Amino acid sequence: MSEIVFARRTNNRIYESSKPEQVFRAWKGAEECWLFISPHDDDIVLGTGLHFIAAIESGVKVHAIVSTIGAGYCRIEDKHTIAQIRRTECRRSFELLGLPPQNLHFYDYWANDILRHLGRRFVGPNDSGIIHPYTQTTIMDADGLQNSFTWSLRHIRPTRIFLPSQTDIHPAHRAVREELIISVFHSRGAIWPELGEPLAAFPRLYEYATYNDYAEPPNHQVRTSRALFDRKLAGIAAYESQKQIEVLVENIRNQGPREYVREMEFKLYDPQQYDKLFEQEEGAV
């Protein structure tokens, strides 16, 4: 068996190959770029770590965005230092997964305060508590997840995006998912020109499961060698402070070296598709 096997399921057949370009639809060749969105620092490795590793091993350009500062601690003595602890663990985890450090991006929004940063708003010089993810750019007059995601999408220019599933129970996961999807729409248009050049096409979207099962069965699978699976487990183990995810980790260990994601359709409303539903046959009453 190849070290990596990608698979895509349709209604009629299953496509399998060690080459992602033979499995993933609308392959863009040298332009292929996969962007993984993580509400918290450990969500990517938990939900889609094998796809992440397989993409890197296959030569695909990969980026990761960690949307929030993790605030969850399991020991009282970590209460005031958990953000620094988790940031260190996060960098180590992505290093183990094989991601170049320059392709790891952080948004410094607090996870337990994420709802305050929905949308996009202008900020003034006297605002306090506002953290700008891109302090080296000229967009210092605006803030919010849609501001951050739109900037990232236009600069990273991904062909595929991996994001949390619609069934996820975590409020921060749902917020990040929804803000990312509307930002995909923003990034394709002319809105907020200071955030960069609009995308030429919509990226394809794939949802991964962390806490909850999918609403519909997944249509993509990746199978890997035990060595690559062990790399995913090592990436998870890097989060030593996060004892509360052990039940999730146990499920992953039992699953073994395979993983699933679901491609979702990003379809804009087209009323013409419903015209025939209201066409009446001649002579019908």
C-alpha atoms as a PDB file:
ATOM      1  CA  MET A   1       0.000   0.000   0.000  1.00  0.00           C
ATOM      2  CA  SER A   2       1.130   3.541  -0.709  1.00  0.00           C
ATOM      3  CA  GLU A   3       1.994   5.613   2.340  1.00  0.00           C
ATOM      4  CA  ILE A   4      -0.950   7.887   1.463  1.00  0.00           C
ATOM      5  CA  VAL A   5      -4.207   7.024  -0.330  1.00  0.00           C
ATOM      6  CA  PHE A   6      -6.812   9.699  -1.051  1.00  0.00           C
ATOM      7  CA  ALA A   7     -10.389   8.628  -1.814  1.00  0.00           C
ATOM      8  CA  ARG A   8     -13.544  10.439  -2.986  1.00  0.00           C
ATOM      9  CA  ARG A   9     -16.982   8.856  -2.895  1.00  0.00           C
ATOM     10  CA  THR A  10     -19.724   9.700  -5.376  1.00  0.00           C
ATOM     11  CA  ASN A  11     -23.162   8.143  -5.937  1.00  0.00           C
ATOM     12  CA  ASN A  12     -21.721   5.855  -8.599  1.00  0.00           C
ATOM     13  CA  ARG A  13     -18.153   5.002  -7.642  1.00  0.00           C
ATOM     14  CA  ILE A  14     -15.134   5.618  -5.446  1.00  0.00           C
ATOM     15  CA  TYR A  15     -12.043   7.337  -6.824  1.00  0.00           C
ATOM     16  CA  GLU A  16      -8.757   6.336  -5.158  1.00  0.00           C
ATOM     17  CA  SER A  17      -5.184   7.433  -5.753  1.00  0.00           C
ATOM     18  CA  SER A  18      -1.969   8.283  -3.977  1.00  0.00           C
ATOM     19  CA  LYS A  19      -2.016  11.491  -6.024  1.00  0.00           C
ATOM     20  CA  PRO A  20      -4.436  14.155  -4.735  1.00  0.00           C
ATOM     21  CA  GLU A  21      -4.862  15.649  -8.219  1.00  0.00           C
ATOM     22  CA  GLN A  22      -6.578  12.439  -9.313  1.00  0.00           C
ATOM     23  CA  VAL A  23      -9.113  12.571  -6.482  1.00  0.00           C
ATOM     24  CA  PHE A  24      -9.874  16.220  -5.674  1.00  0.00           C
ATOM     25  CA  ARG A  25     -12.086  17.981  -8.193  1.00  0.00           C
ATOM     26  CA  ALA A  26     -11.000  21.063 -10.169  1.00  0.00           C
ATOM     27  CA  TRP A  27      -7.300  20.624  -9.413  1.00  0.00           C
ATOM     28  CA  LYS A  28      -5.317  23.843 -10.031  1.00  0.00           C
ATOM     29  CA  GLY A  29      -1.849  22.407 -10.551  1.00  0.00           C
ATOM     30  CA  ALA A  30       0.928  24.683  -9.328  1.00  0.00           C
ATOM     31  CA  GLU A  31      -1.692  27.072  -7.923  1.00  0.00           C
ATOM     32  CA  GLU A  32      -3.035  24.482  -5.476  1.00  0.00           C
ATOM     33  CA  CYS A  33      -3.023  25.883  -1.938  1.00  0.00           C
ATOM     34  CA  TRP A  34      -4.873  24.375   1.028  1.00  0.00           C
ATOM     35  CA  LEU A  35      -5.910  26.578   3.923  1.00  0.00           C
ATOM     36  CA  PHE A  36      -6.928  24.950   7.213  1.00  0.00           C
ATOM     37  CA  ILE A  37      -9.026  27.041   9.621  1.00  0.00           C
ATOM     38  CA  SER A  38      -8.713  26.269  13.333  1.00  0.00           C
ATOM     39  CA  PRO A  39     -11.035  27.938  15.848  1.00  0.00           C
ATOM     40  CA  HIS A  40      -8.697  26.798  18.651  1.00  0.00           C
ATOM     41  CA  ASP A  41      -5.068  25.796  18.388  1.00  0.00           C
ATOM     42  CA  ASP A  42      -5.677  22.015  18.523  1.00  0.00           C
ATOM     43  CA  ASP A  43      -8.721  21.650  16.242  1.00  0.00           C
ATOM     44  CA  ILE A  44      -6.870  21.056  12.972  1.00  0.00           C
ATOM     45  CA  VAL A  45      -4.734  18.203  14.258  1.00  0.00           C
ATOM     46  CA  LEU A  46      -7.736  16.629  15.997  1.00  0.00           C
ATOM     47  CA  GLY A  47     -10.236  16.929  13.157  1.00  0.00           C
ATOM     48  CA  THR A  48      -8.175  16.803   9.992  1.00  0.00           C
ATOM     49  CA  GLY A  49      -4.551  16.152  10.951  1.00  0.00           C
ATOM     50  CA  LEU A  50      -4.072  13.328   8.440  1.00  0.00           C
ATOM     51  CA  HIS A  51      -5.351  15.417   5.518  1.00  0.00           C
ATOM     52  CA  PHE A  52      -3.034  18.174   6.708  1.00  0.00           C
ATOM     53  CA  ILE A  53      -0.003  15.861   6.814  1.00  0.00           C
ATOM     54  CA  ALA A  54      -0.952  14.130   3.549  1.00  0.00           C
ATOM     55  CA  ALA A  55      -1.194  17.455   1.725  1.00  0.00           C
ATOM     56  CA  ILE A  56       2.260  18.520   2.919  1.00  0.00           C
ATOM     57  CA  GLU A  57       3.755  15.120   2.068  1.00  0.00           C
ATOM     58  CA  SER A  58       2.182  15.344  -1.407  1.00  0.00           C
ATOM     59  CA  GLY A  59       3.860  18.661  -2.106  1.00  0.00           C
ATOM     60  CA  VAL A  60       0.769  20.859  -1.744  1.00  0.00           C
ATOM     61  CA  LYS A  61       1.282  24.360  -0.381  1.00  0.00           C
ATOM     62  CA  VAL A  62      -0.433  24.414   3.038  1.00  0.00           C
ATOM     63  CA  HIS A  63      -1.347  27.264   5.415  1.00  0.00           C
ATOM     64  CA  ALA A  64      -3.057  27.180   8.821  1.00  0.00           C
ATOM     65  CA  ILE A  65      -4.920  29.924  10.670  1.00  0.00           C
ATOM     66  CA  VAL A  66      -5.455  29.665  14.429  1.00  0.00           C
ATOM     67  CA  SER A  67      -8.378  32.003  15.015  1.00  0.00           C
ATOM     68  CA  THR A  68      -8.302  32.456  18.788  1.00  0.00           C
ATOM     69  CA  ILE A  69      -6.108  32.483  21.860  1.00  0.00           C
ATOM     70  CA  GLY A  70      -6.892  29.367  23.854  1.00  0.00           C
ATOM     71  CA  ALA A  71      -8.079  30.111  27.376  1.00  0.00           C
ATOM     72  CA  GLY A  72      -8.982  26.617  28.596  1.00  0.00           C
ATOM     73  CA  TYR A  73      -6.837  25.301  31.442  1.00  0.00           C
ATOM     74  CA  CYS A  74      -7.014  22.054  33.420  1.00  0.00           C
ATOM     75  CA  ARG A  75      -4.709  22.956  36.306  1.00  0.00           C
ATOM     76  CA  ILE A  76      -5.392  25.952  38.541  1.00  0.00           C
ATOM     77  CA  GLU A  77      -1.705  26.897  38.498  1.00  0.00           C
ATOM     78  CA  ASP A  78      -1.963  27.469  34.709  1.00  0.00           C
ATOM     79  CA  LYS A  79      -4.808  29.973  35.044  1.00  0.00           C
ATOM     80  CA  HIS A  80      -2.764  33.094  34.314  1.00  0.00           C
ATOM     81  CA  THR A  81      -0.228  31.597  31.901  1.00  0.00           C
ATOM     82  CA  ILE A  82      -2.392  29.284  29.779  1.00  0.00           C
ATOM     83  CA  ALA A  83      -2.256  31.543  26.705  1.00  0.00           C
ATOM     84  CA  GLN A  84       1.541  31.404  26.589  1.00  0.00           C
ATOM     85  CA  ILE A  85       1.545  27.676  27.341  1.00  0.00           C
ATOM     86  CA  ARG A  86      -0.878  26.899  24.536  1.00  0.00           C
ATOM     87  CA  ARG A  87       0.908  29.118  22.021  1.00  0.00           C
ATOM     88  CA  THR A  88       4.139  27.217  22.694  1.00  0.00           C
ATOM     89  CA  GLU A  89       2.321  23.881  22.420  1.00  0.00           C
ATOM     90  CA  CYS A  90       0.683  25.016  19.185  1.00  0.00           C
ATOM     91  CA  ARG A  91       3.944  25.954  17.489  1.00  0.00           C
ATOM     92  CA  ARG A  92       5.439  22.627  18.517  1.00  0.00           C
ATOM     93  CA  SER A  93       2.424  20.687  17.240  1.00  0.00           C
ATOM     94  CA  PHE A  94       2.495  22.267  13.785  1.00  0.00           C
ATOM     95  CA  GLU A  95       6.246  21.755  13.632  1.00  0.00           C
ATOM     96  CA  LEU A  96       5.662  18.034  14.219  1.00  0.00           C
ATOM     97  CA  LEU A  97       3.025  18.004  11.482  1.00  0.00           C
ATOM     98  CA  GLY A  98       5.597  19.432   9.065  1.00  0.00           C
ATOM     99  CA  LEU A  99       4.196  22.933   8.483  1.00  0.00           C
ATOM    100  CA  PRO A 100       6.752  25.648   7.648  1.00  0.00           C
ATOM    101  CA  PRO A 101       6.565  28.199  10.505  1.00  0.00           C
ATOM    102  CA  GLN A 102       5.920  31.091   8.117  1.00  0.00           C
ATOM    103  CA  ASN A 103       2.695  29.375   7.013  1.00  0.00           C
ATOM    104  CA  LEU A 104       1.218  29.342  10.527  1.00  0.00           C
ATOM    105  CA  HIS A 105      -0.927  32.425  11.164  1.00  0.00           C
ATOM    106  CA  PHE A 106      -2.437  33.578  14.463  1.00  0.00           C
ATOM    107  CA  TYR A 107      -5.460  35.801  15.090  1.00  0.00           C
ATOM    108  CA  ASP A 108      -5.214  36.990  18.669  1.00  0.00           C
ATOM    109  CA  TYR A 109      -8.917  37.008  19.489  1.00  0.00           C
ATOM    110  CA  TRP A 110      -9.751  35.494  22.878  1.00  0.00           C
ATOM    111  CA  ALA A 111     -11.692  32.250  22.443  1.00  0.00           C
ATOM    112  CA  ASN A 112     -14.115  32.988  25.281  1.00  0.00           C
ATOM    113  CA  ASP A 113     -14.836  36.455  23.854  1.00  0.00           C
ATOM    114  CA  ILE A 114     -15.071  35.609  20.165  1.00  0.00           C
ATOM    115  CA  LEU A 115     -18.659  36.801  19.687  1.00  0.00           C
ATOM    116  CA  ARG A 116     -17.512  40.379  20.340  1.00  0.00           C
ATOM    117  CA  HIS A 117     -15.409  40.180  17.184  1.00  0.00           C
ATOM    118  CA  LEU A 118     -18.008  39.053  14.666  1.00  0.00           C
ATOM    119  CA  GLY A 119     -18.220  41.057  11.469  1.00  0.00           C
ATOM    120  CA  ARG A 120     -16.025  44.047  10.744  1.00  0.00           C
ATOM    121  CA  ARG A 121     -15.940  47.411  12.445  1.00  0.00           C
ATOM    122  CA  PHE A 122     -13.821  50.513  12.326  1.00  0.00           C
ATOM    123  CA  VAL A 123     -11.753  51.314  15.382  1.00  0.00           C
ATOM    124  CA  GLY A 124     -10.241  54.529  16.660  1.00  0.00           C
ATOM    125  CA  PRO A 125      -6.908  55.357  18.280  1.00  0.00           C
ATOM    126  CA  ASN A 126      -8.493  55.416  21.747  1.00  0.00           C
ATOM    127  CA  ASP A 127     -10.070  51.951  21.533  1.00  0.00           C
ATOM    128  CA  SER A 128      -8.760  49.491  24.085  1.00  0.00           C
ATOM    129  CA  GLY A 129      -8.683  45.718  24.009  1.00  0.00           C
ATOM    130  CA  ILE A 130      -8.723  45.551  20.221  1.00  0.00           C
ATOM    131  CA  ILE A 131      -6.098  43.208  18.826  1.00  0.00           C
ATOM    132  CA  HIS A 132      -5.147  43.480  15.158  1.00  0.00           C
ATOM    133  CA  PRO A 133      -4.008  40.173  13.645  1.00  0.00           C
ATOM    134  CA  TYR A 134      -1.898  41.869  10.984  1.00  0.00           C
ATOM    135  CA  THR A 135       0.042  44.659  12.659  1.00  0.00           C
ATOM    136  CA  GLN A 136       2.429  44.942   9.706  1.00  0.00           C
ATOM    137  CA  THR A 137      -0.280  45.999   7.243  1.00  0.00           C
ATOM    138  CA  THR A 138      -2.070  49.272   6.610  1.00  0.00           C
ATOM    139  CA  ILE A 139      -5.514  48.034   7.729  1.00  0.00           C
ATOM    140  CA  MET A 140      -5.178  49.240  11.297  1.00  0.00           C
ATOM    141  CA  ASP A 141      -8.494  51.128  11.182  1.00  0.00           C
ATOM    142  CA  ALA A 142     -10.658  47.984  11.143  1.00  0.00           C
ATOM    143  CA  ASP A 143     -11.071  44.879  13.239  1.00  0.00           C
ATOM    144  CA  GLY A 144     -13.144  41.685  13.438  1.00  0.00           C
ATOM    145  CA  LEU A 145     -13.159  38.160  12.063  1.00  0.00           C
ATOM    146  CA  GLN A 146     -14.521  39.149   8.652  1.00  0.00           C
ATOM    147  CA  ASN A 147     -11.782  41.754   8.356  1.00  0.00           C
ATOM    148  CA  SER A 148      -9.127  39.184   9.277  1.00  0.00           C
ATOM    149  CA  PHE A 149     -10.468  36.345   7.109  1.00  0.00           C
ATOM    150  CA  THR A 150     -11.003  38.541   4.056  1.00  0.00           C
ATOM    151  CA  TRP A 151      -7.430  39.847   4.328  1.00  0.00           C
ATOM    152  CA  SER A 152      -6.070  36.318   4.717  1.00  0.00           C
ATOM    153  CA  LEU A 153      -8.055  34.830   1.854  1.00  0.00           C
ATOM    154  CA  ARG A 154      -6.975  37.548  -0.553  1.00  0.00           C
ATOM    155  CA  HIS A 155      -3.306  37.190   0.404  1.00  0.00           C
ATOM    156  CA  ILE A 156      -3.022  33.414   0.847  1.00  0.00           C
ATOM    157  CA  ARG A 157      -5.381  32.811  -2.121  1.00  0.00           C
ATOM    158  CA  PRO A 158      -6.331  29.203  -1.260  1.00  0.00           C
ATOM    159  CA  THR A 159      -7.880  26.809  -3.740  1.00  0.00           C
ATOM    160  CA  ARG A 160      -9.333  24.651  -0.927  1.00  0.00           C
ATOM    161  CA  ILE A 161     -10.371  25.519   2.615  1.00  0.00           C
ATOM    162  CA  PHE A 162     -10.913  23.082   5.478  1.00  0.00           C
ATOM    163  CA  LEU A 163     -13.239  24.374   8.202  1.00  0.00           C
ATOM    164  CA  PRO A 164     -15.323  23.094  11.157  1.00  0.00           C
ATOM    165  CA  SER A 165     -18.504  21.162  10.391  1.00  0.00           C
ATOM    166  CA  GLN A 166     -21.944  22.745  10.633  1.00  0.00           C
ATOM    167  CA  THR A 167     -22.951  20.372  13.454  1.00  0.00           C
ATOM    168  CA  ASP A 168     -20.168  21.415  15.825  1.00  0.00           C
ATOM    169  CA  ILE A 169     -21.513  22.205  19.302  1.00  0.00           C
ATOM    170  CA  HIS A 170     -18.767  24.624  20.316  1.00  0.00           C
ATOM    171  CA  PRO A 171     -19.940  28.271  20.015  1.00  0.00           C
ATOM    172  CA  ALA A 172     -16.483  29.470  18.944  1.00  0.00           C
ATOM    173  CA  HIS A 173     -16.340  26.795  16.224  1.00  0.00           C
ATOM    174  CA  ARG A 174     -19.742  27.820  14.876  1.00  0.00           C
ATOM    175  CA  ALA A 175     -18.818  31.507  14.931  1.00  0.00           C
ATOM    176  CA  VAL A 176     -15.516  30.952  13.131  1.00  0.00           C
ATOM    177  CA  ARG A 177     -17.203  28.741  10.519  1.00  0.00           C
ATOM    178  CA  GLU A 178     -19.922  31.280   9.722  1.00  0.00           C
ATOM    179  CA  GLU A 179     -17.524  34.229   9.620  1.00  0.00           C
ATOM    180  CA  LEU A 180     -15.194  32.305   7.327  1.00  0.00           C
ATOM    181  CA  ILE A 181     -17.958  31.358   4.877  1.00  0.00           C
ATOM    182  CA  ILE A 182     -19.281  34.912   4.489  1.00  0.00           C
ATOM    183  CA  SER A 183     -15.669  36.084   4.160  1.00  0.00           C
ATOM    184  CA  VAL A 184     -15.232  33.695   1.225  1.00  0.00           C
ATOM    185  CA  PHE A 185     -18.061  35.600  -0.454  1.00  0.00           C
ATOM    186  CA  HIS A 186     -16.519  38.971   0.495  1.00  0.00           C
ATOM    187  CA  SER A 187     -13.114  37.905  -0.824  1.00  0.00           C
ATOM    188  CA  ARG A 188     -14.527  37.169  -4.261  1.00  0.00           C
ATOM    189  CA  GLY A 189     -16.041  40.643  -4.628  1.00  0.00           C
ATOM    190  CA  ALA A 190     -14.917  44.259  -4.610  1.00  0.00           C
ATOM    191  CA  ILE A 191     -15.840  45.117  -1.017  1.00  0.00           C
ATOM    192  CA  TRP A 192     -13.100  46.582   1.232  1.00  0.00           C
ATOM    193  CA  PRO A 193     -10.454  47.079  -1.472  1.00  0.00           C
ATOM    194  CA  GLU A 194      -7.758  47.921   1.088  1.00  0.00           C
ATOM    195  CA  LEU A 195      -7.795  44.251   2.151  1.00  0.00           C
ATOM    196  CA  GLY A 196      -6.318  43.059  -1.123  1.00  0.00           C
ATOM    197  CA  GLU A 197      -7.128  41.930  -4.634  1.00  0.00           C
ATOM    198  CA  PRO A 198     -10.363  39.900  -4.924  1.00  0.00           C
ATOM    199  CA  LEU A 199     -10.113  36.173  -5.585  1.00  0.00           C
ATOM    200  CA  ALA A 200     -10.566  35.043  -9.181  1.00  0.00           C
ATOM    201  CA  ALA A 201     -12.748  32.079  -8.127  1.00  0.00           C
ATOM    202  CA  PHE A 202     -14.411  30.662  -5.027  1.00  0.00           C
ATOM    203  CA  PRO A 203     -12.237  28.132  -3.138  1.00  0.00           C
ATOM    204  CA  ARG A 204     -13.702  24.676  -2.636  1.00  0.00           C
ATOM    205  CA  LEU A 205     -14.830  24.056   0.952  1.00  0.00           C
ATOM    206  CA  TYR A 206     -14.360  20.913   3.068  1.00  0.00           C
ATOM    207  CA  GLU A 207     -15.730  20.511   6.567  1.00  0.00           C
ATOM    208  CA  TYR A 208     -14.053  18.418   9.232  1.00  0.00           C
ATOM    209  CA  ALA A 209     -15.521  17.000  12.449  1.00  0.00           C
ATOM    210  CA  THR A 210     -14.015  17.634  15.865  1.00  0.00           C
ATOM    211  CA  TYR A 211     -16.751  17.257  18.490  1.00  0.00           C
ATOM    212  CA  ASN A 212     -19.844  16.076  16.620  1.00  0.00           C
ATOM    213  CA  ASP A 213     -20.679  13.781  13.724  1.00  0.00           C
ATOM    214  CA  TYR A 214     -21.474  15.129  10.248  1.00  0.00           C
ATOM    215  CA  ALA A 215     -25.001  16.118   9.241  1.00  0.00           C
ATOM    216  CA  GLU A 216     -24.444  14.105   6.038  1.00  0.00           C
ATOM    217  CA  PRO A 217     -21.927  11.296   5.427  1.00  0.00           C
ATOM    218  CA  PRO A 218     -18.455  12.506   4.428  1.00  0.00           C
ATOM    219  CA  ASN A 219     -17.349  12.060   0.816  1.00  0.00           C
ATOM    220  CA  HIS A 220     -13.563  12.223   1.205  1.00  0.00           C
ATOM    221  CA  GLN A 221     -11.227   9.844   2.989  1.00  0.00           C
ATOM    222  CA  VAL A 222      -7.475   9.671   3.456  1.00  0.00           C
ATOM    223  CA  ARG A 223      -5.587   6.538   4.580  1.00  0.00           C
ATOM    224  CA  THR A 224      -1.969   6.715   5.638  1.00  0.00           C
ATOM    225  CA  SER A 225       0.868   4.601   6.930  1.00  0.00           C
ATOM    226  CA  ARG A 226       1.205   4.017  10.654  1.00  0.00           C
ATOM    227  CA  ALA A 227       4.239   6.326  10.665  1.00  0.00           C
ATOM    228  CA  LEU A 228       2.172   9.294   9.431  1.00  0.00           C
ATOM    229  CA  PHE A 229      -0.620   8.434  11.850  1.00  0.00           C
ATOM    230  CA  ASP A 230       1.920   8.443  14.674  1.00  0.00           C
ATOM    231  CA  ARG A 231       2.949  11.923  13.536  1.00  0.00           C
ATOM    232  CA  LYS A 232      -0.654  13.069  13.941  1.00  0.00           C
ATOM    233  CA  LEU A 233      -0.770  11.516  17.425  1.00  0.00           C
ATOM    234  CA  ALA A 234       2.496  13.285  18.299  1.00  0.00           C
ATOM    235  CA  GLY A 235       0.968  16.562  17.109  1.00  0.00           C
ATOM    236  CA  ILE A 236      -1.983  15.988  19.419  1.00  0.00           C
ATOM    237  CA  ALA A 237       0.262  14.996  22.327  1.00  0.00           C
ATOM    238  CA  ALA A 238       2.063  18.329  22.019  1.00  0.00           C
ATOM    239  CA  TYR A 239      -0.977  19.901  23.714  1.00  0.00           C
ATOM    240  CA  GLU A 240      -0.002  18.562  27.121  1.00  0.00           C
ATOM    241  CA  SER A 241      -2.115  21.144  28.951  1.00  0.00           C
ATOM    242  CA  GLN A 242      -5.380  20.050  27.295  1.00  0.00           C
ATOM    243  CA  LYS A 243      -6.433  17.056  29.390  1.00  0.00           C
ATOM    244  CA  GLN A 244     -10.136  17.619  28.672  1.00  0.00           C
ATOM    245  CA  ILE A 245      -9.876  16.380  25.065  1.00  0.00           C
ATOM    246  CA  GLU A 246      -8.843  12.853  26.080  1.00  0.00           C
ATOM    247  CA  VAL A 247     -12.194  11.348  25.033  1.00  0.00           C
ATOM    248  CA  LEU A 248     -11.699  12.792  21.532  1.00  0.00           C
ATOM    249  CA  VAL A 249      -8.121  11.530  21.405  1.00  0.00           C
ATOM    250  CA  GLU A 250      -9.198   8.029  22.400  1.00  0.00           C
ATOM    251  CA  ASN A 251     -11.651   7.920  19.473  1.00  0.00           C
ATOM    252  CA  ILE A 252      -8.837   8.972  17.133  1.00  0.00           C
ATOM    253  CA  ARG A 253      -6.486   6.280  18.454  1.00  0.00           C
ATOM    254  CA  ASN A 254      -9.180   3.638  17.982  1.00  0.00           C
ATOM    255  CA  GLN A 255      -9.912   4.844  14.454  1.00  0.00           C
ATOM    256  CA  GLY A 256      -6.381   4.256  13.258  1.00  0.00           C
ATOM    257  CA  PRO A 257      -4.659   5.782  10.223  1.00  0.00           C
ATOM    258  CA  ARG A 258      -7.688   7.030   8.290  1.00  0.00           C
ATOM    259  CA  GLU A 259      -9.749  10.190   8.371  1.00  0.00           C
ATOM    260  CA  TYR A 260     -12.818  11.743   6.730  1.00  0.00           C
ATOM    261  CA  VAL A 261     -13.918  15.185   5.517  1.00  0.00           C
ATOM    262  CA  ARG A 262     -16.990  16.331   3.595  1.00  0.00           C
ATOM    263  CA  GLU A 263     -16.871  18.607   0.583  1.00  0.00           C
ATOM    264  CA  MET A 264     -19.693  21.121   0.769  1.00  0.00           C
ATOM    265  CA  GLU A 265     -21.194  23.044  -2.109  1.00  0.00           C
ATOM    266  CA  PHE A 266     -20.756  26.811  -2.141  1.00  0.00           C
ATOM    267  CA  LYS A 267     -23.716  27.633  -4.366  1.00  0.00           C
ATOM    268  CA  LEU A 268     -25.058  31.124  -4.928  1.00  0.00           C
ATOM    269  CA  TYR A 269     -28.816  31.448  -5.352  1.00  0.00           C
ATOM    270  CA  ASP A 270     -29.950  31.091  -8.957  1.00  0.00           C
ATOM    271  CA  PRO A 271     -33.757  31.350  -9.337  1.00  0.00           C
ATOM    272  CA  GLN A 272     -33.706  29.912 -12.867  1.00  0.00           C
ATOM    273  CA  GLN A 273     -33.026  26.440 -11.485  1.00  0.00           C
ATOM    274  CA  TYR A 274     -36.592  26.373 -10.159  1.00  0.00           C
ATOM    275  CA  ASP A 275     -38.372  27.531 -13.325  1.00  0.00           C
ATOM    276  CA  LYS A 276     -39.273  24.036 -14.506  1.00  0.00           C
ATOM    277  CA  LEU A 277     -40.899  23.218 -11.182  1.00  0.00           C
ATOM    278  CA  PHE A 278     -43.642  25.696 -12.066  1.00  0.00           C
ATOM    279  CA  GLU A 279     -44.045  24.909 -15.772  1.00  0.00           C
ATOM    280  CA  GLN A 280     -47.470  23.430 -16.329  1.00  0.00           C
ATOM    281  CA  GLU A 281     -48.084  20.960 -19.112  1.00  0.00           C
ATOM    282  CA  GLU A 282     -50.412  22.154 -21.823  1.00  0.00           C
ATOM    283  CA  GLY A 283     -53.991  21.195 -21.009  1.00  0.00           C
ATOM    284  CA  ALA A 284     -53.272  20.476 -17.326  1.00  0.00           C
ATOM    285  CA  VAL A 285     -55.690  21.942 -14.788  1.00  0.00           C
END
